[in-house]
Amino acid sequence: MSVKDSVKWLKKAAEQEHVDAQFQMVAVFEKGICAKKSMVEAARWCRKAAEQGHAQAQLYMAALHTQGRGVPKNDVEIVRWCKLAAEQGKVEAQSSLGDFYLNGSGGLTPNNKEAARWYRKAADQGSPIAQCKLGRLYFEGLGVAESDAESKRWVKKAADQGNSEAQHLMQVLSWC
């Protein structure tokens, strides 16, 4: 089967609301595979998949709004799509949502407890970035009870995975 035929069948499936096909249409328009390159069309197909609950598409919608590719830059939309993906267990989204709550971005009120909750979800799935950030929250007592032991435990997990920020923090925490 030719690439052109493959794209034709993919589009037919996408038009019939097949969520994975819709998300694959993003690449068709992003890369111009047998179609004119168009980030607006790529974003349109991505939104269709995201609205049907496709977690990777939701995460990608957040990225598109961050970069302003095919859609306007929009902090509120970034948080909305990120939260939907985070609720489905997407580690990157959970960690980002922790950042949004910590910094009060995207229309959210700063909330250290919510930041810690989302970092914990990502940290429990092995994210070294979230583990390091959660360790820092324990060190500073932000959103969680201050605990040097918990701080060191989470930071060490991240450091053991090669996270350079955590490796630096391990040196700082060893002085405490």
N, C-alpha and C. Protein backbone atom coordinates (compact mmCIF):
# COMPACT_ATOMS: atom_id res chain seq x y z
N MET A 1 0.85 -1.17 0.00
CA MET A 1 0.00 0.00 0.00
C MET A 1 0.90 1.24 0.00
N SER A 2 0.57 2.20 -0.78
CA SER A 2 1.36 3.43 -0.85
C SER A 2 1.07 4.30 0.37
N VAL A 3 1.95 5.25 0.61
CA VAL A 3 1.76 6.19 1.72
C VAL A 3 0.48 6.99 1.50
N LYS A 4 0.24 7.36 0.24
CA LYS A 4 -0.96 8.13 -0.08
C LYS A 4 -2.22 7.33 0.27
N ASP A 5 -2.24 6.04 -0.08
CA ASP A 5 -3.39 5.19 0.26
C ASP A 5 -3.52 5.03 1.78
N SER A 6 -2.40 4.89 2.43
CA SER A 6 -2.41 4.74 3.88
C SER A 6 -3.03 5.98 4.55
N VAL A 7 -2.64 7.15 4.10
CA VAL A 7 -3.18 8.40 4.65
C VAL A 7 -4.67 8.50 4.33
N LYS A 8 -5.06 8.07 3.15
CA LYS A 8 -6.48 8.10 2.76
C LYS A 8 -7.31 7.27 3.76
N TRP A 9 -6.85 6.05 4.07
CA TRP A 9 -7.57 5.18 5.00
C TRP A 9 -7.53 5.74 6.43
N LEU A 10 -6.42 6.30 6.78
CA LEU A 10 -6.30 6.92 8.11
C LEU A 10 -7.30 8.05 8.26
N LYS A 11 -7.41 8.88 7.23
CA LYS A 11 -8.36 10.01 7.28
C LYS A 11 -9.80 9.51 7.37
N LYS A 12 -10.12 8.46 6.63
CA LYS A 12 -11.47 7.89 6.71
C LYS A 12 -11.79 7.44 8.13
N ALA A 13 -10.84 6.76 8.77
CA ALA A 13 -11.05 6.31 10.15
C ALA A 13 -11.18 7.50 11.09
N ALA A 14 -10.35 8.51 10.90
CA ALA A 14 -10.40 9.71 11.75
C ALA A 14 -11.73 10.43 11.61
N GLU A 15 -12.22 10.52 10.38
CA GLU A 15 -13.51 11.18 10.15
C GLU A 15 -14.68 10.43 10.78
N GLN A 16 -14.47 9.14 11.06
CA GLN A 16 -15.50 8.33 11.72
C GLN A 16 -15.27 8.28 13.24
N GLU A 17 -14.53 9.26 13.74
CA GLU A 17 -14.31 9.44 15.17
C GLU A 17 -13.38 8.40 15.80
N HIS A 18 -12.56 7.72 15.01
CA HIS A 18 -11.58 6.79 15.58
C HIS A 18 -10.48 7.64 16.23
N VAL A 19 -10.42 7.59 17.56
CA VAL A 19 -9.58 8.51 18.32
C VAL A 19 -8.09 8.36 18.01
N ASP A 20 -7.59 7.14 17.87
CA ASP A 20 -6.18 6.97 17.55
C ASP A 20 -5.86 7.49 16.15
N ALA A 21 -6.77 7.28 15.22
CA ALA A 21 -6.58 7.80 13.86
C ALA A 21 -6.57 9.33 13.87
N GLN A 22 -7.45 9.92 14.68
CA GLN A 22 -7.48 11.38 14.78
C GLN A 22 -6.13 11.90 15.28
N PHE A 23 -5.59 11.23 16.29
CA PHE A 23 -4.31 11.69 16.82
C PHE A 23 -3.19 11.48 15.80
N GLN A 24 -3.26 10.42 15.01
CA GLN A 24 -2.25 10.20 13.97
C GLN A 24 -2.35 11.25 12.86
N MET A 25 -3.52 11.81 12.66
CA MET A 25 -3.68 12.85 11.65
C MET A 25 -2.87 14.10 12.01
N VAL A 26 -2.55 14.26 13.27
CA VAL A 26 -1.71 15.39 13.69
C VAL A 26 -0.39 15.33 12.92
N ALA A 27 0.24 14.17 12.88
CA ALA A 27 1.53 14.02 12.18
C ALA A 27 1.38 14.25 10.68
N VAL A 28 0.26 13.83 10.12
CA VAL A 28 0.03 14.02 8.68
C VAL A 28 0.14 15.50 8.33
N PHE A 29 -0.51 16.35 9.14
CA PHE A 29 -0.51 17.79 8.82
C PHE A 29 0.71 18.51 9.38
N GLU A 30 1.26 18.00 10.47
CA GLU A 30 2.45 18.62 11.04
C GLU A 30 3.65 18.43 10.12
N LYS A 31 3.74 17.25 9.51
CA LYS A 31 4.89 16.92 8.66
C LYS A 31 4.59 17.05 7.18
N GLY A 32 3.33 17.26 6.84
CA GLY A 32 2.97 17.38 5.43
C GLY A 32 3.07 16.06 4.69
N ILE A 33 2.58 14.99 5.31
CA ILE A 33 2.61 13.67 4.69
C ILE A 33 1.40 13.53 3.76
N CYS A 34 1.64 13.64 2.48
CA CYS A 34 0.57 13.57 1.47
C CYS A 34 -0.53 14.60 1.73
N ALA A 35 -0.15 15.69 2.35
CA ALA A 35 -1.07 16.79 2.62
C ALA A 35 -0.22 18.05 2.81
N LYS A 36 -0.84 19.19 2.63
CA LYS A 36 -0.13 20.44 2.85
C LYS A 36 0.11 20.62 4.35
N LYS A 37 1.34 20.99 4.71
CA LYS A 37 1.65 21.25 6.12
C LYS A 37 0.72 22.32 6.66
N SER A 38 0.16 22.05 7.83
CA SER A 38 -0.73 23.02 8.45
C SER A 38 -0.85 22.73 9.94
N MET A 39 -0.29 23.59 10.75
CA MET A 39 -0.41 23.42 12.19
C MET A 39 -1.84 23.66 12.66
N VAL A 40 -2.58 24.48 11.94
CA VAL A 40 -3.99 24.70 12.30
C VAL A 40 -4.76 23.39 12.13
N GLU A 41 -4.53 22.69 11.01
CA GLU A 41 -5.19 21.39 10.78
C GLU A 41 -4.70 20.35 11.78
N ALA A 42 -3.41 20.36 12.06
CA ALA A 42 -2.85 19.41 13.05
C ALA A 42 -3.52 19.63 14.40
N ALA A 43 -3.64 20.89 14.81
CA ALA A 43 -4.27 21.22 16.10
C ALA A 43 -5.75 20.84 16.10
N ARG A 44 -6.41 21.01 14.96
CA ARG A 44 -7.84 20.65 14.87
C ARG A 44 -8.01 19.15 15.12
N TRP A 45 -7.18 18.33 14.49
CA TRP A 45 -7.28 16.89 14.69
C TRP A 45 -6.87 16.50 16.11
N CYS A 46 -5.88 17.17 16.63
CA CYS A 46 -5.44 16.89 17.99
C CYS A 46 -6.57 17.19 18.99
N ARG A 47 -7.24 18.32 18.79
CA ARG A 47 -8.36 18.70 19.67
C ARG A 47 -9.47 17.65 19.61
N LYS A 48 -9.76 17.14 18.41
CA LYS A 48 -10.80 16.11 18.28
C LYS A 48 -10.45 14.88 19.13
N ALA A 49 -9.21 14.43 19.04
CA ALA A 49 -8.78 13.27 19.83
C ALA A 49 -8.78 13.60 21.32
N ALA A 50 -8.29 14.78 21.67
CA ALA A 50 -8.23 15.20 23.08
C ALA A 50 -9.62 15.29 23.69
N GLU A 51 -10.56 15.81 22.93
CA GLU A 51 -11.94 15.93 23.44
C GLU A 51 -12.59 14.57 23.65
N GLN A 52 -12.08 13.55 22.97
CA GLN A 52 -12.59 12.20 23.17
C GLN A 52 -11.86 11.48 24.30
N GLY A 53 -10.93 12.18 24.97
CA GLY A 53 -10.26 11.60 26.12
C GLY A 53 -8.91 10.95 25.84
N HIS A 54 -8.35 11.16 24.67
CA HIS A 54 -7.02 10.61 24.34
C HIS A 54 -5.98 11.39 25.15
N ALA A 55 -5.39 10.74 26.15
CA ALA A 55 -4.49 11.41 27.10
C ALA A 55 -3.28 12.03 26.41
N GLN A 56 -2.67 11.34 25.46
CA GLN A 56 -1.50 11.89 24.79
C GLN A 56 -1.89 13.12 23.96
N ALA A 57 -3.07 13.08 23.37
CA ALA A 57 -3.56 14.25 22.63
C ALA A 57 -3.82 15.42 23.57
N GLN A 58 -4.34 15.14 24.75
CA GLN A 58 -4.56 16.20 25.74
C GLN A 58 -3.24 16.85 26.14
N LEU A 59 -2.24 16.02 26.38
CA LEU A 59 -0.92 16.53 26.72
C LEU A 59 -0.34 17.35 25.56
N TYR A 60 -0.57 16.88 24.34
CA TYR A 60 -0.07 17.59 23.17
C TYR A 60 -0.81 18.91 22.96
N MET A 61 -2.10 18.94 23.28
CA MET A 61 -2.85 20.21 23.19
C MET A 61 -2.24 21.23 24.15
N ALA A 62 -1.86 20.78 25.34
CA ALA A 62 -1.21 21.69 26.29
C ALA A 62 0.08 22.24 25.68
N ALA A 63 0.85 21.36 25.04
CA ALA A 63 2.11 21.79 24.42
C ALA A 63 1.84 22.77 23.27
N LEU A 64 0.82 22.51 22.47
CA LEU A 64 0.50 23.42 21.37
C LEU A 64 0.13 24.80 21.89
N HIS A 65 -0.65 24.85 22.97
CA HIS A 65 -1.01 26.15 23.56
C HIS A 65 0.19 26.82 24.21
N THR A 66 1.13 26.05 24.70
CA THR A 66 2.36 26.61 25.28
C THR A 66 3.18 27.30 24.20
N GLN A 67 3.27 26.65 23.05
CA GLN A 67 4.11 27.15 21.96
C GLN A 67 3.36 28.07 21.00
N GLY A 68 2.04 28.08 21.07
CA GLY A 68 1.26 28.86 20.12
C GLY A 68 1.35 28.30 18.71
N ARG A 69 1.39 26.97 18.61
CA ARG A 69 1.49 26.32 17.30
C ARG A 69 0.11 25.81 16.88
N GLY A 70 -0.49 26.48 15.91
CA GLY A 70 -1.80 26.07 15.40
C GLY A 70 -2.97 26.55 16.25
N VAL A 71 -2.66 27.02 17.43
CA VAL A 71 -3.64 27.58 18.37
C VAL A 71 -2.98 28.76 19.07
N PRO A 72 -3.78 29.66 19.64
CA PRO A 72 -3.15 30.77 20.35
C PRO A 72 -2.47 30.31 21.64
N LYS A 73 -1.42 31.00 22.04
CA LYS A 73 -0.84 30.75 23.37
C LYS A 73 -1.93 31.09 24.39
N ASN A 74 -2.10 30.18 25.36
CA ASN A 74 -3.19 30.40 26.30
C ASN A 74 -2.91 29.59 27.57
N ASP A 75 -2.53 30.28 28.64
CA ASP A 75 -2.17 29.61 29.89
C ASP A 75 -3.32 28.83 30.50
N VAL A 76 -4.52 29.35 30.39
CA VAL A 76 -5.68 28.65 30.96
C VAL A 76 -5.93 27.34 30.22
N GLU A 77 -5.80 27.35 28.90
CA GLU A 77 -5.96 26.13 28.10
C GLU A 77 -4.84 25.13 28.39
N ILE A 78 -3.64 25.64 28.61
CA ILE A 78 -2.53 24.74 28.96
C ILE A 78 -2.88 23.95 30.21
N VAL A 79 -3.34 24.66 31.22
CA VAL A 79 -3.67 24.01 32.49
C VAL A 79 -4.85 23.06 32.31
N ARG A 80 -5.85 23.47 31.56
CA ARG A 80 -7.04 22.63 31.36
C ARG A 80 -6.67 21.29 30.71
N TRP A 81 -5.91 21.36 29.62
CA TRP A 81 -5.54 20.12 28.93
C TRP A 81 -4.57 19.30 29.76
N CYS A 82 -3.67 19.98 30.44
CA CYS A 82 -2.70 19.29 31.29
C CYS A 82 -3.42 18.54 32.42
N LYS A 83 -4.41 19.18 33.01
CA LYS A 83 -5.14 18.54 34.11
C LYS A 83 -5.88 17.30 33.63
N LEU A 84 -6.48 17.38 32.46
CA LEU A 84 -7.18 16.20 31.92
C LEU A 84 -6.21 15.04 31.69
N ALA A 85 -5.04 15.34 31.16
CA ALA A 85 -4.04 14.29 30.93
C ALA A 85 -3.49 13.77 32.26
N ALA A 86 -3.30 14.67 33.22
CA ALA A 86 -2.78 14.27 34.54
C ALA A 86 -3.75 13.33 35.25
N GLU A 87 -5.03 13.62 35.12
CA GLU A 87 -6.04 12.78 35.76
C GLU A 87 -6.07 11.37 35.17
N GLN A 88 -5.53 11.23 33.96
CA GLN A 88 -5.43 9.91 33.33
C GLN A 88 -4.08 9.25 33.58
N GLY A 89 -3.26 9.88 34.43
CA GLY A 89 -2.01 9.26 34.82
C GLY A 89 -0.79 9.63 34.00
N LYS A 90 -0.89 10.63 33.13
CA LYS A 90 0.28 11.05 32.35
C LYS A 90 1.28 11.76 33.28
N VAL A 91 2.42 11.14 33.47
CA VAL A 91 3.42 11.61 34.43
C VAL A 91 3.85 13.05 34.13
N GLU A 92 4.15 13.34 32.86
CA GLU A 92 4.61 14.68 32.51
C GLU A 92 3.57 15.72 32.88
N ALA A 93 2.31 15.39 32.66
CA ALA A 93 1.22 16.32 32.98
C ALA A 93 1.09 16.49 34.48
N GLN A 94 1.23 15.42 35.23
CA GLN A 94 1.12 15.51 36.69
C GLN A 94 2.22 16.42 37.25
N SER A 95 3.43 16.23 36.77
CA SER A 95 4.54 17.06 37.24
C SER A 95 4.33 18.52 36.84
N SER A 96 3.87 18.75 35.62
CA SER A 96 3.60 20.13 35.16
C SER A 96 2.49 20.77 35.98
N LEU A 97 1.47 19.99 36.30
CA LEU A 97 0.37 20.51 37.11
C LEU A 97 0.89 20.91 38.50
N GLY A 98 1.82 20.13 39.03
CA GLY A 98 2.46 20.51 40.29
C GLY A 98 3.13 21.87 40.16
N ASP A 99 3.82 22.10 39.04
CA ASP A 99 4.46 23.40 38.80
C ASP A 99 3.43 24.51 38.74
N PHE A 100 2.33 24.26 38.03
CA PHE A 100 1.29 25.29 37.90
C PHE A 100 0.72 25.68 39.26
N TYR A 101 0.46 24.69 40.11
CA TYR A 101 -0.07 24.99 41.44
C TYR A 101 0.99 25.66 42.31
N LEU A 102 2.23 25.23 42.20
CA LEU A 102 3.29 25.83 43.01
C LEU A 102 3.48 27.30 42.65
N ASN A 103 3.46 27.60 41.36
CA ASN A 103 3.73 28.97 40.89
C ASN A 103 2.47 29.82 40.73
N GLY A 104 1.31 29.18 40.79
CA GLY A 104 0.07 29.93 40.59
C GLY A 104 -0.07 30.41 39.16
N SER A 105 0.31 29.59 38.20
CA SER A 105 0.21 29.99 36.80
C SER A 105 -1.03 29.39 36.15
N GLY A 106 -1.36 29.89 34.97
CA GLY A 106 -2.50 29.37 34.23
C GLY A 106 -3.84 29.67 34.87
N GLY A 107 -3.90 30.75 35.62
CA GLY A 107 -5.15 31.12 36.27
C GLY A 107 -5.38 30.41 37.59
N LEU A 108 -4.43 29.58 38.02
CA LEU A 108 -4.58 28.87 39.30
C LEU A 108 -4.03 29.73 40.44
N THR A 109 -4.68 29.62 41.58
CA THR A 109 -4.17 30.25 42.79
C THR A 109 -3.04 29.37 43.32
N PRO A 110 -1.92 29.97 43.73
CA PRO A 110 -0.85 29.14 44.28
C PRO A 110 -1.38 28.27 45.42
N ASN A 111 -1.02 26.99 45.38
CA ASN A 111 -1.51 26.05 46.37
C ASN A 111 -0.45 24.96 46.54
N ASN A 112 0.35 25.11 47.58
CA ASN A 112 1.46 24.17 47.81
C ASN A 112 0.98 22.76 48.09
N LYS A 113 -0.16 22.63 48.75
CA LYS A 113 -0.69 21.30 49.05
C LYS A 113 -1.07 20.57 47.76
N GLU A 114 -1.72 21.28 46.83
CA GLU A 114 -2.07 20.68 45.53
C GLU A 114 -0.82 20.39 44.72
N ALA A 115 0.16 21.28 44.79
CA ALA A 115 1.43 21.05 44.08
C ALA A 115 2.06 19.76 44.58
N ALA A 116 2.10 19.59 45.89
CA ALA A 116 2.68 18.38 46.48
C ALA A 116 1.90 17.14 46.07
N ARG A 117 0.58 17.26 46.02
CA ARG A 117 -0.26 16.11 45.64
C ARG A 117 0.06 15.66 44.21
N TRP A 118 0.20 16.59 43.28
CA TRP A 118 0.48 16.23 41.89
C TRP A 118 1.92 15.76 41.72
N TYR A 119 2.86 16.40 42.42
CA TYR A 119 4.24 15.91 42.37
C TYR A 119 4.31 14.48 42.91
N ARG A 120 3.56 14.20 43.97
CA ARG A 120 3.57 12.85 44.56
C ARG A 120 3.08 11.82 43.56
N LYS A 121 2.01 12.15 42.83
CA LYS A 121 1.49 11.21 41.83
C LYS A 121 2.56 10.87 40.78
N ALA A 122 3.24 11.90 40.30
CA ALA A 122 4.29 11.68 39.30
C ALA A 122 5.51 11.00 39.92
N ALA A 123 5.85 11.39 41.14
CA ALA A 123 7.00 10.80 41.83
C ALA A 123 6.77 9.31 42.09
N ASP A 124 5.56 8.96 42.47
CA ASP A 124 5.24 7.55 42.71
C ASP A 124 5.37 6.71 41.44
N GLN A 125 5.25 7.35 40.28
CA GLN A 125 5.41 6.64 39.01
C GLN A 125 6.87 6.67 38.51
N GLY A 126 7.75 7.25 39.33
CA GLY A 126 9.16 7.20 39.01
C GLY A 126 9.75 8.43 38.34
N SER A 127 9.00 9.52 38.26
CA SER A 127 9.54 10.73 37.62
C SER A 127 10.62 11.36 38.49
N PRO A 128 11.87 11.39 38.00
CA PRO A 128 12.93 12.00 38.80
C PRO A 128 12.73 13.50 39.00
N ILE A 129 12.13 14.16 38.03
CA ILE A 129 11.86 15.60 38.17
C ILE A 129 10.89 15.83 39.31
N ALA A 130 9.80 15.08 39.33
CA ALA A 130 8.80 15.23 40.39
C ALA A 130 9.36 14.78 41.74
N GLN A 131 10.17 13.74 41.74
CA GLN A 131 10.77 13.28 43.00
C GLN A 131 11.65 14.37 43.61
N CYS A 132 12.43 15.02 42.77
CA CYS A 132 13.29 16.09 43.23
C CYS A 132 12.47 17.26 43.77
N LYS A 133 11.42 17.63 43.04
CA LYS A 133 10.59 18.75 43.47
C LYS A 133 9.84 18.42 44.76
N LEU A 134 9.36 17.19 44.87
CA LEU A 134 8.68 16.76 46.08
C LEU A 134 9.66 16.78 47.26
N GLY A 135 10.87 16.32 47.03
CA GLY A 135 11.89 16.37 48.07
C GLY A 135 12.16 17.78 48.55
N ARG A 136 12.18 18.71 47.61
CA ARG A 136 12.39 20.11 47.96
C ARG A 136 11.23 20.64 48.81
N LEU A 137 10.00 20.23 48.45
CA LEU A 137 8.83 20.66 49.24
C LEU A 137 8.93 20.14 50.67
N TYR A 138 9.35 18.88 50.83
CA TYR A 138 9.54 18.33 52.18
C TYR A 138 10.64 19.08 52.93
N PHE A 139 11.69 19.46 52.25
CA PHE A 139 12.79 20.19 52.88
C PHE A 139 12.31 21.54 53.40
N GLU A 140 11.47 22.21 52.59
CA GLU A 140 11.00 23.55 52.95
C GLU A 140 9.67 23.53 53.72
N GLY A 141 9.03 22.37 53.82
CA GLY A 141 7.74 22.30 54.51
C GLY A 141 6.64 23.02 53.76
N LEU A 142 6.65 22.94 52.44
CA LEU A 142 5.64 23.60 51.61
C LEU A 142 4.60 22.59 51.15
N GLY A 143 3.40 22.69 51.67
CA GLY A 143 2.31 21.81 51.26
C GLY A 143 2.35 20.43 51.91
N VAL A 144 3.43 20.16 52.61
CA VAL A 144 3.64 18.90 53.34
C VAL A 144 4.36 19.25 54.65
N ALA A 145 4.30 18.33 55.60
CA ALA A 145 5.03 18.56 56.85
C ALA A 145 6.53 18.52 56.56
N GLU A 146 7.25 19.48 57.10
CA GLU A 146 8.69 19.53 56.90
C GLU A 146 9.32 18.24 57.44
N SER A 147 10.16 17.63 56.62
CA SER A 147 10.79 16.38 57.03
C SER A 147 12.10 16.19 56.27
N ASP A 148 13.19 16.24 57.01
CA ASP A 148 14.50 16.02 56.38
C ASP A 148 14.59 14.59 55.83
N ALA A 149 14.02 13.63 56.57
CA ALA A 149 14.09 12.23 56.13
C ALA A 149 13.34 12.03 54.82
N GLU A 150 12.12 12.57 54.72
CA GLU A 150 11.33 12.44 53.48
C GLU A 150 12.00 13.20 52.35
N SER A 151 12.54 14.37 52.67
CA SER A 151 13.23 15.16 51.66
C SER A 151 14.39 14.37 51.07
N LYS A 152 15.22 13.81 51.94
CA LYS A 152 16.38 13.05 51.48
C LYS A 152 15.95 11.80 50.70
N ARG A 153 14.89 11.15 51.16
CA ARG A 153 14.41 9.93 50.49
C ARG A 153 14.01 10.22 49.04
N TRP A 154 13.22 11.29 48.84
CA TRP A 154 12.75 11.60 47.49
C TRP A 154 13.88 12.14 46.62
N VAL A 155 14.71 12.99 47.18
CA VAL A 155 15.81 13.55 46.40
C VAL A 155 16.79 12.45 46.01
N LYS A 156 17.05 11.50 46.90
CA LYS A 156 17.95 10.40 46.58
C LYS A 156 17.40 9.56 45.44
N LYS A 157 16.08 9.31 45.44
CA LYS A 157 15.48 8.53 44.34
C LYS A 157 15.76 9.23 43.00
N ALA A 158 15.59 10.55 42.98
CA ALA A 158 15.84 11.30 41.75
C ALA A 158 17.33 11.30 41.40
N ALA A 159 18.17 11.48 42.40
CA ALA A 159 19.62 11.51 42.16
C ALA A 159 20.10 10.17 41.61
N ASP A 160 19.56 9.08 42.15
CA ASP A 160 19.95 7.75 41.68
C ASP A 160 19.57 7.52 40.22
N GLN A 161 18.60 8.30 39.72
CA GLN A 161 18.20 8.19 38.31
C GLN A 161 18.97 9.15 37.41
N GLY A 162 19.91 9.87 38.00
CA GLY A 162 20.76 10.75 37.19
C GLY A 162 20.30 12.19 37.12
N ASN A 163 19.31 12.58 37.91
CA ASN A 163 18.84 13.97 37.90
C ASN A 163 19.90 14.87 38.53
N SER A 164 20.48 15.77 37.75
CA SER A 164 21.60 16.59 38.22
C SER A 164 21.19 17.55 39.33
N GLU A 165 19.98 18.09 39.27
CA GLU A 165 19.52 18.98 40.34
C GLU A 165 19.44 18.21 41.65
N ALA A 166 18.92 16.99 41.59
CA ALA A 166 18.82 16.16 42.79
C ALA A 166 20.22 15.78 43.29
N GLN A 167 21.13 15.51 42.39
CA GLN A 167 22.50 15.17 42.79
C GLN A 167 23.14 16.33 43.54
N HIS A 168 22.87 17.54 43.06
CA HIS A 168 23.38 18.72 43.75
C HIS A 168 22.70 18.87 45.11
N LEU A 169 21.40 18.66 45.14
CA LEU A 169 20.67 18.77 46.41
C LEU A 169 21.13 17.74 47.43
N MET A 170 21.52 16.56 46.97
CA MET A 170 22.02 15.53 47.89
C MET A 170 23.23 16.06 48.66
N GLN A 171 24.08 16.79 47.99
CA GLN A 171 25.24 17.37 48.64
C GLN A 171 24.78 18.40 49.67
N VAL A 172 23.82 19.23 49.32
CA VAL A 172 23.30 20.25 50.25
C VAL A 172 22.62 19.58 51.43
N LEU A 173 21.80 18.56 51.16
CA LEU A 173 21.06 17.89 52.23
C LEU A 173 21.98 17.12 53.16
N SER A 174 23.14 16.70 52.68
CA SER A 174 24.06 15.96 53.54
C SER A 174 24.64 16.86 54.62
N TRP A 175 24.54 18.17 54.44
CA TRP A 175 25.03 19.11 55.44
C TRP A 175 24.00 19.31 56.55
N CYS A 176 22.76 18.91 56.28
CA CYS A 176 21.69 19.16 57.27
C CYS A 176 21.64 18.05 58.31
